[in-house]
Each structure stands twice: as C-alpha cells, then as structure tokens.
Amino acid sequence: MIEAGVVGHAPSVLIQPIKRENPEAARYRKVWEHAKYREIAPGETAAMTFLAQAKPPRDAECIDFGCGTGRGALMLALMGGLKVTMLDFAENCLDEDVANACKTQPERIKFCVADLTRHIPTTAPFGYCTDVMEHIPTDDVPTVLSNILSTAQHVFFAICTAPDYHGPELLGEGEHLHLTVKPMDWWQAELNKAGAIIHWGTRDDELMMCYFYVSGWKDARDVLPDGVLNTSLETVNAQTATNINAGWKHAQPYDRQDREVVILAGGPSLAENIDEIRRLREVEGAAIVTTNGAYEWALDQGLKVSMQIVVDAREFNARFTRRVVDDCLYLIASQVHPKTLEGLPHERTFLWHSGISDDNEKLVLEKTGHFFPIPGGSTVILRTIPLLRMLGFWRQHLFGFDSCVRRIGGDHHSYPQAENDGEHIFAVGCGGKQFFCAPWMVQQASEFRGLVKSLADIVELNVVGDGLIAHMIQTGANMEELESAVLAQADAA
C-alpha cells in the first residue's frame, strides 16, 4: 500500500501524448494528487478473480484499461506472470513502486497515456478493466466498450454500481467521479449491445460491485451470427415467447471448472470410439453431454448422460427429449417447439437463448433479470461449445463431430436420422485429403474455424476421429478449398 502523502509517478519515457485531451483528465490529475484516493485499488483486489476465471498462460499479453495506481497490473505481472500494458489518461496516476517497475522491468510491465474514448494504440489477447466503466460518461459507454472489445479479445470487467464519495470529498460538493451509476443488468445489456459474449458474471451486493468475463468475437463476427433459420422467424419468435412464459429455469454463467466434458455429436466416427468414451466417463470422471439423436444412442450404449442439448425449432425434434432419465440436465434452446419441452422435469431443465427478438429479450429480462445469449453457428454442436464454456466447462472432448461421411452413399450418422437421407454429397479437398460432404457439413466446418478463432484462448478442444474437423485441427488446413466448394454448390443450386 502507498504511504500517506506520496503522489503519483509515471515513467515519462513511455508516455504517448494525447492530441486532444479528454476534459475529464484534468479532474483525475487533481484527485491523484491526494494520497487518500490511492488507499484502495480495486484492480489489486480483483486480480486473483480475473486470473481464476481467465487462466491466462504465463507470459500472455494483457492490457489494463484505466490502470489507476497500477497495483492491479503489478499483481497480474507478479502472480499471473503476465506481460501487462497499463493505459490511463492521467500520467500521474501510478504509485511510485509501480512506476519504478516500469523502468526496471519494461519487458514485464509498461505504461502509456491513452484515452479509452478514442482509438487504443495496442492489442492483446486479454484485457483487465476494473473501477473504470462507472467513471465513463453514460453517452460514451458504448464507444469505450467497443474500443476495449476491439482491442482485447477476452476482457475482465469489475464495475461499481454505487455513487462515489471521493468526488465531493476531494473536488468539492456536487463533483462526482462515478458518472454512470447503473445496476448489473444495465451493464450486462450494454455488453450484449457491444457484441460481447458473457462467459461469467456475478455481483457482490456488499461491495456494490458487478463482475464479467467476456469475449468480443470481433474477428469472427461474420461466422458467428444466429445461423441460418430452418423455421420461419415468426414461428421462432412465437415459440420462444411461449417457452419463456412457461416458467422454465434459464441457464446462466458459472465459475470456470476443471471437470472435463465429453460432447457426443452424431457423425459416423461416434460408434467407432465407444471404448474411449467409456474410459473418459468411467475412469476419468468426465461428464457426457449429448446433442439431438446422440442422446438416445448413448442411452442405448448404457452410458450415463449428464446433459442433453437441443436447439432446432422444428416439431419433429421433440423425439430427442422423450426418454427422460434421472440425474440428467436438459439444456434446451428457448426457440424449440413447445412439444420438445413436454414431460421434462422442471427442476432439471434450463432454457438458453441463441439469438432472439428484441421483444423476447425484454421478456427474458422481465422474467429472470438477466439475458445471456449464446453465439455460434448453424448447428447444435457450434452452439454447444460456447454454451458449455458459459457454464464453466473449458476442457471439451468431441466425438462424432466429423462434418463428413465416409463415402458417397455412406451413413451420415451413427444412428438412423431420416431427415438427412438423400442429401446431395460431393467431394471436397482439404489439406491434401479428400472428404465427402453435404453442403451444410462444409458450412459447419467453415463456421467452426471462426468459432475456434474466437474461443482459442478460453477452451481446450479435443476432436476425436478422422473426419474433416479433426483433419483441419491436426493439419491447420487452409479452408479456401472448402469455402470455394460450398459456394460452387450454392451457385449450382
């Protein structure tokens, strides 16, 4: 902690001047002259929470947005082994020992003057933003969030939800430093609007703080929309409203956990790896998560299923939830036909949301007080991966996620699924190998590439088998051949 009477320091050789100064900067230079303003550093107290949620690798780059005293950044460098760039628009904000660390360990921690309402002159895979957003004028909040999420892919936010007392105390009556005092739900909505995907969020009513760990998804926005609807938008919206009003529980973020999950898709390689699936479940203690028809297949193999996930809005998908078993959680997209939810246990069934109308988003907020949309692509697996990450599961094994068939005329699933019978199958090349795919399989592979680009730092994926997806991962295959193939098929159609 800083001693009384010590004012801020900054290593001037690292300062980058701001061309047009933010008028708020002068106020903060003034408050940083007061030792009292330095007594508490929220960035210091939240550092271990960030490290627990993000688990960044040692030597990873991290930006501390609005670093203040710099004690939080120093904690990240010391306890997390991170290389931290501190940003603030008041050059006198740093504590003396932090400023000295910038001089003695510039490869580990450095400082730049920067205004978060303008272009941020650096990038990093991780971001840390504590005791900052409440200080931003409300009209500037969208701009600042956009700048942060465009600069760091995965960001931890700690935001105070109460008025400040330092402004009136240090600057005079009527002067406030917290310019946007809003509850957690408001901040969550702003993050959603900014394109952030919330992996974890909580609040501390005693400290009057809320916390989020999010991803910006900026580099994969073109392949991470809601996906192509196979049901009319009107029907989807109507079914979503019906299901939300039915009183089901809603999925929400959980703390990161180390239990591994085994995700079962339905591709041809699924049945070939049953022994490894059993080993992971029975020896390693992994949870088995099934999707669509893989649920019935797993139960028929005598496997203990921990979760079943369904996303498709069409009525025939109700068959994927007809066999209810004990101790299984049912994670069902809010857009499904209501018959898919019939007979499911209310205490073990949770709705989740894959991009719904504004009206239905408001309805979710009215019913639950929160809204956590799940991004992904056009298939259930591409939604399952980020859904499970939101629930805290970051180590994921995928079986049957082939995105191809063995040969033209070969089985498209490890079990009968009449909806896919008769699909047009064509040969495509990828990384020097030939695969046989339906158009949707190629599209799924393309979307998966975008998903991995956005999730690379926060999930550990092990795709088992010899299908197209596993080959892409093993060889780092270029997707241009696949994308050209799917475009050619679309043109032919």
Protein backbone atom coordinates (compact mmCIF):
# COMPACT_ATOMS: atom_id res chain seq x y z
CA MET A 1 0.00 0.00 0.00
CA ILE A 2 1.17 3.55 -0.68
CA GLU A 3 2.26 5.65 2.24
CA ALA A 4 0.36 8.79 3.15
CA GLY A 5 1.47 11.89 1.30
CA VAL A 6 3.01 10.06 -1.68
CA VAL A 7 1.69 11.30 -5.02
CA GLY A 8 1.61 9.50 -8.34
CA HIS A 9 4.56 8.85 -10.61
CA ALA A 10 4.86 7.83 -14.24
CA PRO A 11 7.83 6.82 -16.40
CA SER A 12 7.81 9.72 -18.85
CA VAL A 13 9.83 7.90 -21.50
CA LEU A 14 6.89 5.55 -22.06
CA ILE A 15 4.16 8.18 -22.28
CA GLN A 16 2.44 8.67 -25.61
CA PRO A 17 0.82 12.12 -25.72
CA ILE A 18 -2.89 12.54 -26.43
CA LYS A 19 -3.52 15.01 -29.26
CA ARG A 20 -6.88 16.31 -28.00
CA GLU A 21 -7.20 15.87 -24.28
CA ASN A 22 -10.32 14.49 -22.68
CA PRO A 23 -11.69 17.20 -20.35
CA GLU A 24 -12.05 14.59 -17.59
CA ALA A 25 -8.27 14.05 -17.50
CA ALA A 26 -7.61 17.29 -15.58
CA ARG A 27 -10.01 16.24 -12.81
CA TYR A 28 -8.20 12.93 -12.39
CA ARG A 29 -4.78 14.53 -12.31
CA LYS A 30 -6.11 16.54 -9.40
CA VAL A 31 -7.56 13.61 -7.45
CA TRP A 32 -4.39 11.55 -7.96
CA GLU A 33 -2.53 14.24 -6.03
CA HIS A 34 -4.42 13.08 -2.92
CA ALA A 35 -2.95 10.09 -1.09
CA LYS A 36 -6.43 9.26 0.19
CA TYR A 37 -7.58 8.42 -3.35
CA ARG A 38 -4.86 5.77 -3.51
CA GLU A 39 -5.76 3.89 -0.35
CA ILE A 40 -7.93 1.34 -2.12
CA ALA A 41 -7.08 -0.12 -5.54
CA PRO A 42 -9.96 -2.25 -6.88
CA GLY A 43 -7.66 -3.61 -9.56
CA GLU A 44 -5.45 -5.08 -6.86
CA THR A 45 -8.29 -6.80 -5.02
CA ALA A 46 -9.88 -8.25 -8.20
CA ALA A 47 -6.67 -9.58 -9.76
CA MET A 48 -6.97 -13.12 -8.38
CA THR A 49 -10.60 -13.34 -9.52
CA PHE A 50 -9.53 -12.45 -13.06
CA LEU A 51 -6.71 -14.99 -13.02
CA ALA A 52 -9.08 -17.70 -11.74
CA GLN A 53 -11.63 -17.04 -14.48
CA ALA A 54 -9.31 -16.44 -17.44
CA LYS A 55 -6.39 -18.73 -16.52
CA PRO A 56 -4.15 -16.91 -18.99
CA PRO A 57 -0.91 -18.69 -19.93
CA ARG A 58 2.30 -17.35 -18.46
CA ASP A 59 3.82 -14.52 -20.49
CA ALA A 60 0.48 -13.75 -22.16
CA GLU A 61 -0.06 -10.11 -23.12
CA CYS A 62 -2.70 -8.22 -21.12
CA ILE A 63 -3.96 -4.63 -21.24
CA ASP A 64 -5.03 -2.90 -18.03
CA PHE A 65 -7.64 -0.40 -19.24
CA GLY A 66 -7.71 2.59 -16.88
CA CYS A 67 -4.96 1.24 -14.63
CA GLY A 68 -5.07 3.93 -11.91
CA THR A 69 -2.39 3.23 -9.30
CA GLY A 70 -1.12 0.27 -11.33
CA ARG A 71 -1.19 -2.06 -8.33
CA GLY A 72 -3.65 -4.32 -10.13
CA ALA A 73 -1.34 -4.60 -13.14
CA LEU A 74 1.61 -5.28 -10.88
CA MET A 75 -0.36 -8.07 -9.21
CA LEU A 76 -1.14 -9.60 -12.64
CA ALA A 77 2.52 -9.45 -13.58
CA LEU A 78 3.72 -10.95 -10.30
CA MET A 79 1.01 -13.53 -9.57
CA GLY A 80 -0.04 -14.37 -13.12
CA GLY A 81 3.26 -14.00 -14.91
CA LEU A 82 1.61 -11.72 -17.48
CA LYS A 83 3.12 -9.02 -19.63
CA VAL A 84 0.93 -6.03 -18.84
CA THR A 85 0.46 -2.75 -20.70
CA MET A 86 -1.21 -0.15 -18.46
CA LEU A 87 -3.35 2.57 -20.01
CA ASP A 88 -4.66 5.72 -18.34
CA PHE A 89 -5.30 9.31 -19.42
CA ALA A 90 -3.74 10.82 -16.26
CA GLU A 91 0.02 10.49 -16.39
CA ASN A 92 0.39 10.95 -12.61
CA CYS A 93 -1.83 8.01 -11.67
CA LEU A 94 0.82 5.37 -10.95
CA ASP A 95 2.16 4.57 -7.49
CA GLU A 96 5.89 5.14 -7.16
CA ASP A 97 6.80 1.46 -6.87
CA VAL A 98 4.76 0.65 -9.99
CA ALA A 99 6.43 3.47 -11.94
CA ASN A 100 9.80 2.10 -10.83
CA ALA A 101 8.82 -1.38 -12.01
CA CYS A 102 8.13 0.08 -15.46
CA LYS A 103 11.74 1.29 -15.54
CA THR A 104 13.38 -1.83 -14.14
CA GLN A 105 11.16 -4.45 -15.83
CA PRO A 106 9.90 -2.86 -19.08
CA GLU A 107 9.54 -6.28 -20.69
CA ARG A 108 7.01 -7.24 -17.99
CA ILE A 109 5.05 -4.05 -17.24
CA LYS A 110 4.77 -0.73 -19.04
CA PHE A 111 2.59 2.39 -19.07
CA CYS A 112 1.08 4.50 -21.85
CA VAL A 113 -1.15 7.55 -21.67
CA ALA A 114 -4.29 6.70 -23.61
CA ASP A 115 -7.90 7.87 -23.72
CA LEU A 116 -10.37 4.96 -23.83
CA THR A 117 -12.93 7.08 -25.69
CA ARG A 118 -10.53 7.14 -28.65
CA HIS A 119 -8.58 4.60 -30.66
CA ILE A 120 -6.48 2.40 -28.36
CA PRO A 121 -2.92 2.05 -29.70
CA THR A 122 -2.24 -1.57 -28.72
CA THR A 123 -3.82 -5.03 -28.78
CA ALA A 124 -3.65 -8.15 -26.61
CA PRO A 125 -5.48 -11.45 -26.10
CA PHE A 126 -6.51 -10.45 -22.56
CA GLY A 127 -7.91 -7.28 -21.04
CA TYR A 128 -8.43 -6.12 -17.46
CA CYS A 129 -10.80 -3.23 -16.69
CA THR A 130 -11.58 -2.52 -13.04
CA ASP A 131 -13.09 0.58 -11.42
CA VAL A 132 -13.27 2.29 -14.82
CA MET A 133 -16.61 1.91 -16.58
CA GLU A 134 -18.59 3.67 -13.82
CA HIS A 135 -16.31 6.70 -14.36
CA ILE A 136 -17.25 6.96 -18.06
CA PRO A 137 -19.99 9.44 -19.06
CA THR A 138 -23.05 7.40 -19.99
CA ASP A 139 -23.09 8.67 -23.57
CA ASP A 140 -19.51 7.44 -24.00
CA VAL A 141 -20.07 3.94 -22.58
CA PRO A 142 -20.86 2.28 -25.97
CA THR A 143 -17.75 3.82 -27.55
CA VAL A 144 -15.47 2.75 -24.70
CA LEU A 145 -16.85 -0.79 -24.67
CA SER A 146 -16.41 -1.05 -28.42
CA ASN A 147 -12.82 0.21 -28.20
CA ILE A 148 -11.96 -2.22 -25.42
CA LEU A 149 -13.58 -5.24 -27.08
CA SER A 150 -11.88 -4.43 -30.37
CA THR A 151 -8.50 -4.26 -28.65
CA ALA A 152 -8.51 -7.26 -26.28
CA GLN A 153 -10.29 -10.46 -27.21
CA HIS A 154 -11.12 -11.63 -23.67
CA VAL A 155 -11.81 -8.98 -21.04
CA PHE A 156 -12.49 -8.99 -17.30
CA PHE A 157 -14.65 -6.12 -16.00
CA ALA A 158 -15.18 -5.07 -12.38
CA ILE A 159 -17.73 -2.25 -12.17
CA CYS A 160 -19.03 -0.37 -9.15
CA THR A 161 -22.80 0.05 -9.04
CA ALA A 162 -22.93 2.75 -6.33
CA PRO A 163 -22.23 6.51 -6.26
CA ASP A 164 -18.73 7.61 -5.30
CA TYR A 165 -17.77 9.68 -2.28
CA HIS A 166 -14.27 10.75 -3.34
CA GLY A 167 -15.53 13.33 -5.84
CA PRO A 168 -17.38 15.52 -3.32
CA GLU A 169 -14.72 14.91 -0.67
CA LEU A 170 -11.68 15.77 -2.80
CA LEU A 171 -13.04 18.07 -5.51
CA GLY A 172 -15.90 19.80 -3.77
CA GLU A 173 -19.63 19.47 -3.25
CA GLY A 174 -21.53 18.44 -6.37
CA GLU A 175 -18.45 16.92 -8.03
CA HIS A 176 -18.83 13.24 -8.79
CA LEU A 177 -16.41 10.75 -10.32
CA HIS A 178 -18.93 7.95 -10.90
CA LEU A 179 -20.76 9.32 -13.94
CA THR A 180 -22.63 6.13 -14.84
CA VAL A 181 -24.16 4.52 -11.76
CA LYS A 182 -26.19 1.58 -13.02
CA PRO A 183 -27.16 -1.92 -11.78
CA MET A 184 -25.58 -5.12 -13.08
CA ASP A 185 -28.43 -5.81 -15.52
CA TRP A 186 -27.85 -2.48 -17.24
CA TRP A 187 -24.16 -3.19 -17.72
CA GLN A 188 -24.93 -6.67 -18.97
CA ALA A 189 -27.29 -5.22 -21.58
CA GLU A 190 -24.61 -2.75 -22.71
CA LEU A 191 -22.09 -5.56 -23.08
CA ASN A 192 -24.59 -7.52 -25.16
CA LYS A 193 -25.18 -4.50 -27.40
CA ALA A 194 -21.43 -4.13 -27.87
CA GLY A 195 -21.22 -7.68 -29.20
CA ALA A 196 -19.67 -9.21 -26.10
CA ILE A 197 -20.39 -12.79 -25.18
CA ILE A 198 -20.57 -13.16 -21.40
CA HIS A 199 -18.84 -16.30 -20.15
CA TRP A 200 -19.20 -15.47 -16.47
CA GLY A 201 -20.86 -12.79 -14.42
CA THR A 202 -21.67 -12.18 -10.77
CA ARG A 203 -22.24 -9.38 -8.31
CA ASP A 204 -21.23 -8.58 -4.78
CA ASP A 205 -24.03 -6.65 -3.10
CA GLU A 206 -21.91 -5.95 -0.03
CA LEU A 207 -19.16 -4.30 -2.07
CA MET A 208 -21.71 -2.92 -4.56
CA MET A 209 -19.73 -4.38 -7.46
CA CYS A 210 -20.53 -6.47 -10.50
CA TYR A 211 -18.07 -8.60 -12.47
CA PHE A 212 -17.99 -10.00 -16.00
CA TYR A 213 -15.61 -12.10 -18.07
CA VAL A 214 -16.41 -11.70 -21.75
CA SER A 215 -15.17 -12.19 -25.31
CA GLY A 216 -15.59 -9.64 -28.05
CA TRP A 217 -15.80 -12.03 -31.03
CA LYS A 218 -14.82 -9.20 -33.36
CA ASP A 219 -12.62 -11.33 -35.59
CA ALA A 220 -15.34 -13.87 -36.28
CA ARG A 221 -18.47 -11.78 -36.41
CA ASP A 222 -19.23 -12.85 -39.98
CA VAL A 223 -19.44 -16.52 -38.99
CA LEU A 224 -20.94 -16.14 -35.52
CA PRO A 225 -24.43 -14.77 -36.12
CA ASP A 226 -27.58 -16.66 -35.30
CA GLY A 227 -27.06 -19.12 -38.15
CA VAL A 228 -29.48 -19.92 -40.93
CA LEU A 229 -33.03 -20.48 -39.72
CA ASN A 230 -34.81 -23.61 -40.93
CA THR A 231 -38.05 -22.32 -39.40
CA SER A 232 -39.77 -19.01 -40.14
CA LEU A 233 -38.77 -16.11 -37.94
CA GLU A 234 -42.39 -15.57 -36.93
CA THR A 235 -42.67 -19.17 -35.73
CA VAL A 236 -39.37 -19.00 -33.86
CA ASN A 237 -40.39 -15.80 -32.07
CA ALA A 238 -43.80 -17.20 -31.15
CA GLN A 239 -42.34 -20.45 -29.81
CA THR A 240 -39.69 -18.57 -27.87
CA ALA A 241 -42.31 -16.37 -26.18
CA THR A 242 -44.41 -19.42 -25.30
CA ASN A 243 -41.46 -21.22 -23.74
CA ILE A 244 -40.24 -18.20 -21.79
CA ASN A 245 -43.73 -17.68 -20.36
CA ALA A 246 -43.96 -21.34 -19.34
CA GLY A 247 -41.83 -20.79 -16.24
CA TRP A 248 -38.73 -22.78 -17.09
CA LYS A 249 -35.38 -22.01 -15.48
CA HIS A 250 -32.76 -20.18 -17.56
CA ALA A 251 -29.07 -21.08 -17.95
CA GLN A 252 -26.57 -18.51 -16.73
CA PRO A 253 -22.76 -18.31 -16.38
CA TYR A 254 -20.93 -20.36 -13.78
CA ASP A 255 -17.40 -20.30 -12.44
CA ARG A 256 -14.74 -21.99 -14.53
CA GLN A 257 -14.34 -25.63 -13.50
CA ASP A 258 -11.80 -28.32 -14.31
CA ARG A 259 -14.14 -31.26 -14.82
CA GLU A 260 -13.86 -32.38 -18.43
CA VAL A 261 -16.86 -32.89 -20.67
CA VAL A 262 -17.36 -35.40 -23.46
CA ILE A 263 -19.60 -33.98 -26.19
CA LEU A 264 -21.32 -36.52 -28.43
CA ALA A 265 -22.29 -35.45 -31.93
CA GLY A 266 -23.84 -37.96 -34.31
CA GLY A 267 -21.21 -38.40 -37.03
CA PRO A 268 -20.09 -41.80 -38.37
CA SER A 269 -16.98 -41.95 -36.15
CA LEU A 270 -19.01 -41.79 -32.93
CA ALA A 271 -19.67 -45.53 -32.70
CA GLU A 272 -16.04 -46.33 -33.52
CA ASN A 273 -14.81 -44.60 -30.35
CA ILE A 274 -17.20 -46.03 -27.76
CA ASP A 275 -14.35 -47.53 -25.69
CA GLU A 276 -12.60 -44.15 -25.34
CA ILE A 277 -15.91 -42.51 -24.42
CA ARG A 278 -16.46 -45.11 -21.68
CA ARG A 279 -12.93 -44.61 -20.39
CA LEU A 280 -13.32 -40.85 -20.12
CA ARG A 281 -16.65 -41.27 -18.33
CA GLU A 282 -15.92 -44.20 -16.04
CA VAL A 283 -12.19 -43.77 -15.34
CA GLU A 284 -11.60 -40.03 -15.75
CA GLY A 285 -14.99 -38.95 -14.41
CA ALA A 286 -15.86 -36.72 -17.37
CA ALA A 287 -19.45 -35.60 -17.85
CA ILE A 288 -21.17 -36.83 -21.00
CA VAL A 289 -23.07 -34.18 -22.96
CA THR A 290 -25.23 -35.34 -25.84
CA THR A 291 -26.84 -33.45 -28.71
CA ASN A 292 -30.00 -34.39 -30.59
CA GLY A 293 -30.11 -38.10 -31.53
CA ALA A 294 -26.78 -38.87 -29.84
CA TYR A 295 -28.79 -38.85 -26.60
CA GLU A 296 -30.78 -42.00 -27.45
CA TRP A 297 -27.66 -43.62 -28.91
CA ALA A 298 -25.72 -43.01 -25.68
CA LEU A 299 -28.51 -44.34 -23.51
CA ASP A 300 -28.71 -47.46 -25.68
CA GLN A 301 -24.98 -48.00 -25.07
CA GLY A 302 -25.56 -47.88 -21.32
CA LEU A 303 -23.75 -44.55 -20.93
CA LYS A 304 -24.68 -42.19 -18.11
CA VAL A 305 -25.67 -38.91 -19.75
CA SER A 306 -25.13 -35.73 -17.72
CA MET A 307 -26.72 -33.23 -20.14
CA GLN A 308 -28.82 -33.28 -23.30
CA ILE A 309 -28.82 -30.24 -25.62
CA VAL A 310 -31.37 -29.43 -28.33
CA VAL A 311 -31.56 -26.24 -30.42
CA ASP A 312 -33.67 -26.95 -33.54
CA ALA A 313 -37.07 -25.22 -33.62
CA ARG A 314 -38.88 -27.84 -35.71
CA GLU A 315 -41.53 -30.01 -34.08
CA PHE A 316 -40.01 -33.38 -35.01
CA ASN A 317 -37.07 -32.64 -32.69
CA ALA A 318 -39.38 -33.41 -29.75
CA ARG A 319 -38.29 -37.03 -30.13
CA PHE A 320 -34.85 -36.07 -28.80
CA THR A 321 -36.27 -35.48 -25.29
CA ARG A 322 -38.84 -38.22 -24.97
CA ARG A 323 -36.76 -40.61 -22.87
CA VAL A 324 -36.24 -38.81 -19.56
CA VAL A 325 -33.60 -40.26 -17.23
CA ASP A 326 -32.59 -39.46 -13.66
CA ASP A 327 -29.72 -37.06 -12.94
CA CYS A 328 -29.63 -35.68 -16.47
CA LEU A 329 -29.90 -31.94 -17.10
CA TYR A 330 -31.84 -30.80 -20.17
CA LEU A 331 -30.44 -27.65 -21.79
CA ILE A 332 -33.00 -26.64 -24.37
CA ALA A 333 -32.88 -23.59 -26.65
CA SER A 334 -35.79 -21.27 -26.00
CA GLN A 335 -36.77 -21.36 -29.68
CA VAL A 336 -37.73 -25.07 -29.74
CA HIS A 337 -41.25 -26.29 -30.41
CA PRO A 338 -43.06 -26.48 -27.04
CA LYS A 339 -43.53 -30.23 -27.54
CA THR A 340 -39.75 -30.63 -27.17
CA LEU A 341 -40.15 -29.45 -23.56
CA GLU A 342 -43.19 -31.57 -22.75
CA GLY A 343 -42.58 -34.04 -19.96
CA LEU A 344 -39.17 -32.70 -18.97
CA PRO A 345 -38.51 -32.21 -15.24
CA HIS A 346 -38.74 -28.52 -14.34
CA GLU A 347 -36.05 -28.80 -11.70
CA ARG A 348 -33.53 -30.16 -14.23
CA THR A 349 -34.47 -28.28 -17.39
CA PHE A 350 -32.92 -24.95 -18.41
CA LEU A 351 -33.64 -22.68 -21.34
CA TRP A 352 -30.82 -20.91 -23.17
CA HIS A 353 -31.02 -18.35 -25.94
CA SER A 354 -29.46 -18.49 -29.39
CA GLY A 355 -30.32 -15.02 -30.63
CA ILE A 356 -33.93 -13.97 -30.14
CA SER A 357 -36.07 -10.95 -30.99
CA ASP A 358 -35.83 -7.72 -29.02
CA ASP A 359 -39.31 -8.32 -27.61
CA ASN A 360 -38.37 -11.77 -26.36
CA GLU A 361 -35.10 -10.46 -24.95
CA LYS A 362 -37.13 -7.98 -22.93
CA LEU A 363 -39.40 -10.82 -21.85
CA VAL A 364 -36.41 -12.82 -20.57
CA LEU A 365 -35.19 -9.79 -18.64
CA GLU A 366 -38.63 -9.29 -17.10
CA LYS A 367 -38.83 -12.94 -16.04
CA THR A 368 -35.27 -13.50 -14.86
CA GLY A 369 -33.47 -10.16 -14.58
CA HIS A 370 -30.67 -11.31 -16.89
CA PHE A 371 -30.04 -12.28 -20.51
CA PHE A 372 -27.08 -14.38 -21.65
CA PRO A 373 -27.26 -15.11 -25.40
CA ILE A 374 -25.20 -17.98 -26.81
CA PRO A 375 -23.34 -17.35 -30.07
CA GLY A 376 -22.24 -19.96 -32.54
CA GLY A 377 -23.06 -21.25 -35.99
CA SER A 378 -25.87 -23.03 -37.72
CA THR A 379 -25.64 -26.44 -35.99
CA VAL A 380 -26.22 -27.68 -32.47
CA ILE A 381 -22.54 -28.53 -31.86
CA LEU A 382 -21.45 -25.00 -32.77
CA ARG A 383 -23.81 -23.72 -30.07
CA THR A 384 -22.92 -26.43 -27.57
CA ILE A 385 -19.23 -25.47 -27.39
CA PRO A 386 -19.81 -21.84 -26.24
CA LEU A 387 -22.83 -22.84 -24.13
CA LEU A 388 -20.72 -25.26 -22.11
CA ARG A 389 -17.96 -22.68 -21.80
CA MET A 390 -20.50 -20.25 -20.33
CA LEU A 391 -21.38 -22.97 -17.83
CA GLY A 392 -17.70 -23.18 -16.86
CA PHE A 393 -16.61 -26.23 -18.87
CA TRP A 394 -13.45 -25.29 -20.77
CA ARG A 395 -11.93 -28.75 -21.39
CA GLN A 396 -14.07 -30.40 -24.03
CA HIS A 397 -13.68 -33.70 -25.94
CA LEU A 398 -15.81 -34.01 -29.07
CA PHE A 399 -16.80 -37.37 -30.56
CA GLY A 400 -18.72 -37.85 -33.79
CA PHE A 401 -18.01 -34.28 -34.87
CA ASP A 402 -16.95 -35.32 -38.36
CA SER A 403 -18.68 -32.88 -40.74
CA CYS A 404 -18.38 -35.51 -43.47
CA VAL A 405 -19.41 -39.04 -44.46
CA ARG A 406 -17.11 -41.97 -45.24
CA ARG A 407 -18.15 -42.21 -48.87
CA ILE A 408 -20.91 -41.12 -51.20
CA GLY A 409 -23.91 -43.18 -50.17
CA GLY A 410 -22.40 -43.90 -46.75
CA ASP A 411 -24.06 -43.35 -43.37
CA HIS A 412 -24.37 -39.72 -42.34
CA HIS A 413 -24.89 -40.54 -38.65
CA SER A 414 -24.04 -43.39 -36.28
CA TYR A 415 -27.78 -43.98 -35.90
CA PRO A 416 -30.79 -43.57 -38.22
CA GLN A 417 -31.82 -39.95 -38.89
CA ALA A 418 -34.26 -39.83 -41.77
CA GLU A 419 -34.10 -36.05 -42.16
CA ASN A 420 -30.61 -36.37 -43.65
CA ASP A 421 -31.37 -39.24 -46.03
CA GLY A 422 -30.95 -38.39 -49.69
CA GLU A 423 -28.74 -35.33 -49.16
CA HIS A 424 -26.51 -34.29 -52.02
CA ILE A 425 -22.96 -35.43 -51.20
CA PHE A 426 -19.90 -34.15 -53.07
CA ALA A 427 -16.11 -34.49 -52.77
CA VAL A 428 -14.04 -31.60 -51.45
CA GLY A 429 -10.33 -31.29 -50.80
CA CYS A 430 -8.85 -30.05 -47.55
CA GLY A 431 -5.18 -30.11 -46.57
CA GLY A 432 -4.27 -32.67 -49.22
CA LYS A 433 -7.07 -35.09 -48.32
CA GLN A 434 -10.46 -35.74 -49.89
CA PHE A 435 -13.69 -35.70 -47.89
CA PHE A 436 -17.30 -36.36 -48.82
CA CYS A 437 -19.72 -33.74 -47.53
CA ALA A 438 -23.21 -32.37 -47.76
CA PRO A 439 -23.28 -28.56 -48.22
CA TRP A 440 -24.28 -27.99 -44.60
CA MET A 441 -21.27 -30.01 -43.44
CA VAL A 442 -18.89 -27.74 -45.33
CA GLN A 443 -20.67 -24.71 -43.93
CA GLN A 444 -20.33 -26.16 -40.43
CA ALA A 445 -16.59 -26.68 -40.95
CA SER A 446 -16.20 -23.10 -42.13
CA GLU A 447 -18.14 -21.76 -39.15
CA PHE A 448 -16.11 -23.95 -36.81
CA ARG A 449 -12.94 -22.25 -37.98
CA GLY A 450 -14.40 -18.88 -36.98
CA LEU A 451 -15.57 -20.25 -33.65
CA VAL A 452 -12.11 -21.58 -32.84
CA LYS A 453 -10.52 -18.24 -33.69
CA SER A 454 -12.70 -16.61 -31.08
CA LEU A 455 -12.54 -19.33 -28.43
CA ALA A 456 -8.91 -20.39 -28.81
CA ASP A 457 -7.77 -18.84 -25.52
CA ILE A 458 -10.68 -19.92 -23.34
CA VAL A 459 -11.49 -23.51 -24.35
CA GLU A 460 -9.38 -26.60 -24.84
CA LEU A 461 -10.89 -28.72 -27.62
CA ASN A 462 -10.00 -32.33 -28.42
CA VAL A 463 -11.80 -33.51 -31.56
CA VAL A 464 -11.56 -37.31 -31.77
CA GLY A 465 -11.81 -39.20 -35.04
CA ASP A 466 -10.59 -38.96 -38.62
CA GLY A 467 -13.25 -36.66 -40.03
CA LEU A 468 -12.96 -33.28 -41.67
CA ILE A 469 -12.95 -31.26 -38.41
CA ALA A 470 -10.19 -33.35 -36.80
CA HIS A 471 -8.13 -33.11 -40.01
CA MET A 472 -8.48 -29.33 -40.04
CA ILE A 473 -7.16 -29.15 -36.48
CA GLN A 474 -4.34 -31.63 -36.99
CA THR A 475 -3.02 -30.09 -40.20
CA GLY A 476 -4.03 -26.46 -39.81
CA ALA A 477 -5.61 -26.88 -43.24
CA ASN A 478 -6.50 -23.82 -45.23
CA MET A 479 -10.26 -23.50 -45.64
CA GLU A 480 -10.21 -21.78 -49.03
CA GLU A 481 -10.83 -25.08 -50.84
CA LEU A 482 -13.83 -25.83 -48.65
CA GLU A 483 -15.32 -22.38 -48.93
CA SER A 484 -14.94 -22.41 -52.70
CA ALA A 485 -16.65 -25.79 -52.78
CA VAL A 486 -19.66 -24.69 -50.78
CA LEU A 487 -20.02 -21.51 -52.84
CA ALA A 488 -19.90 -23.57 -56.02
CA GLN A 489 -22.62 -25.86 -54.67
CA ALA A 490 -24.75 -22.85 -53.75
CA ASP A 491 -24.35 -21.43 -57.25
CA ALA A 492 -25.27 -24.76 -58.80
CA ALA A 493 -28.40 -24.96 -56.67
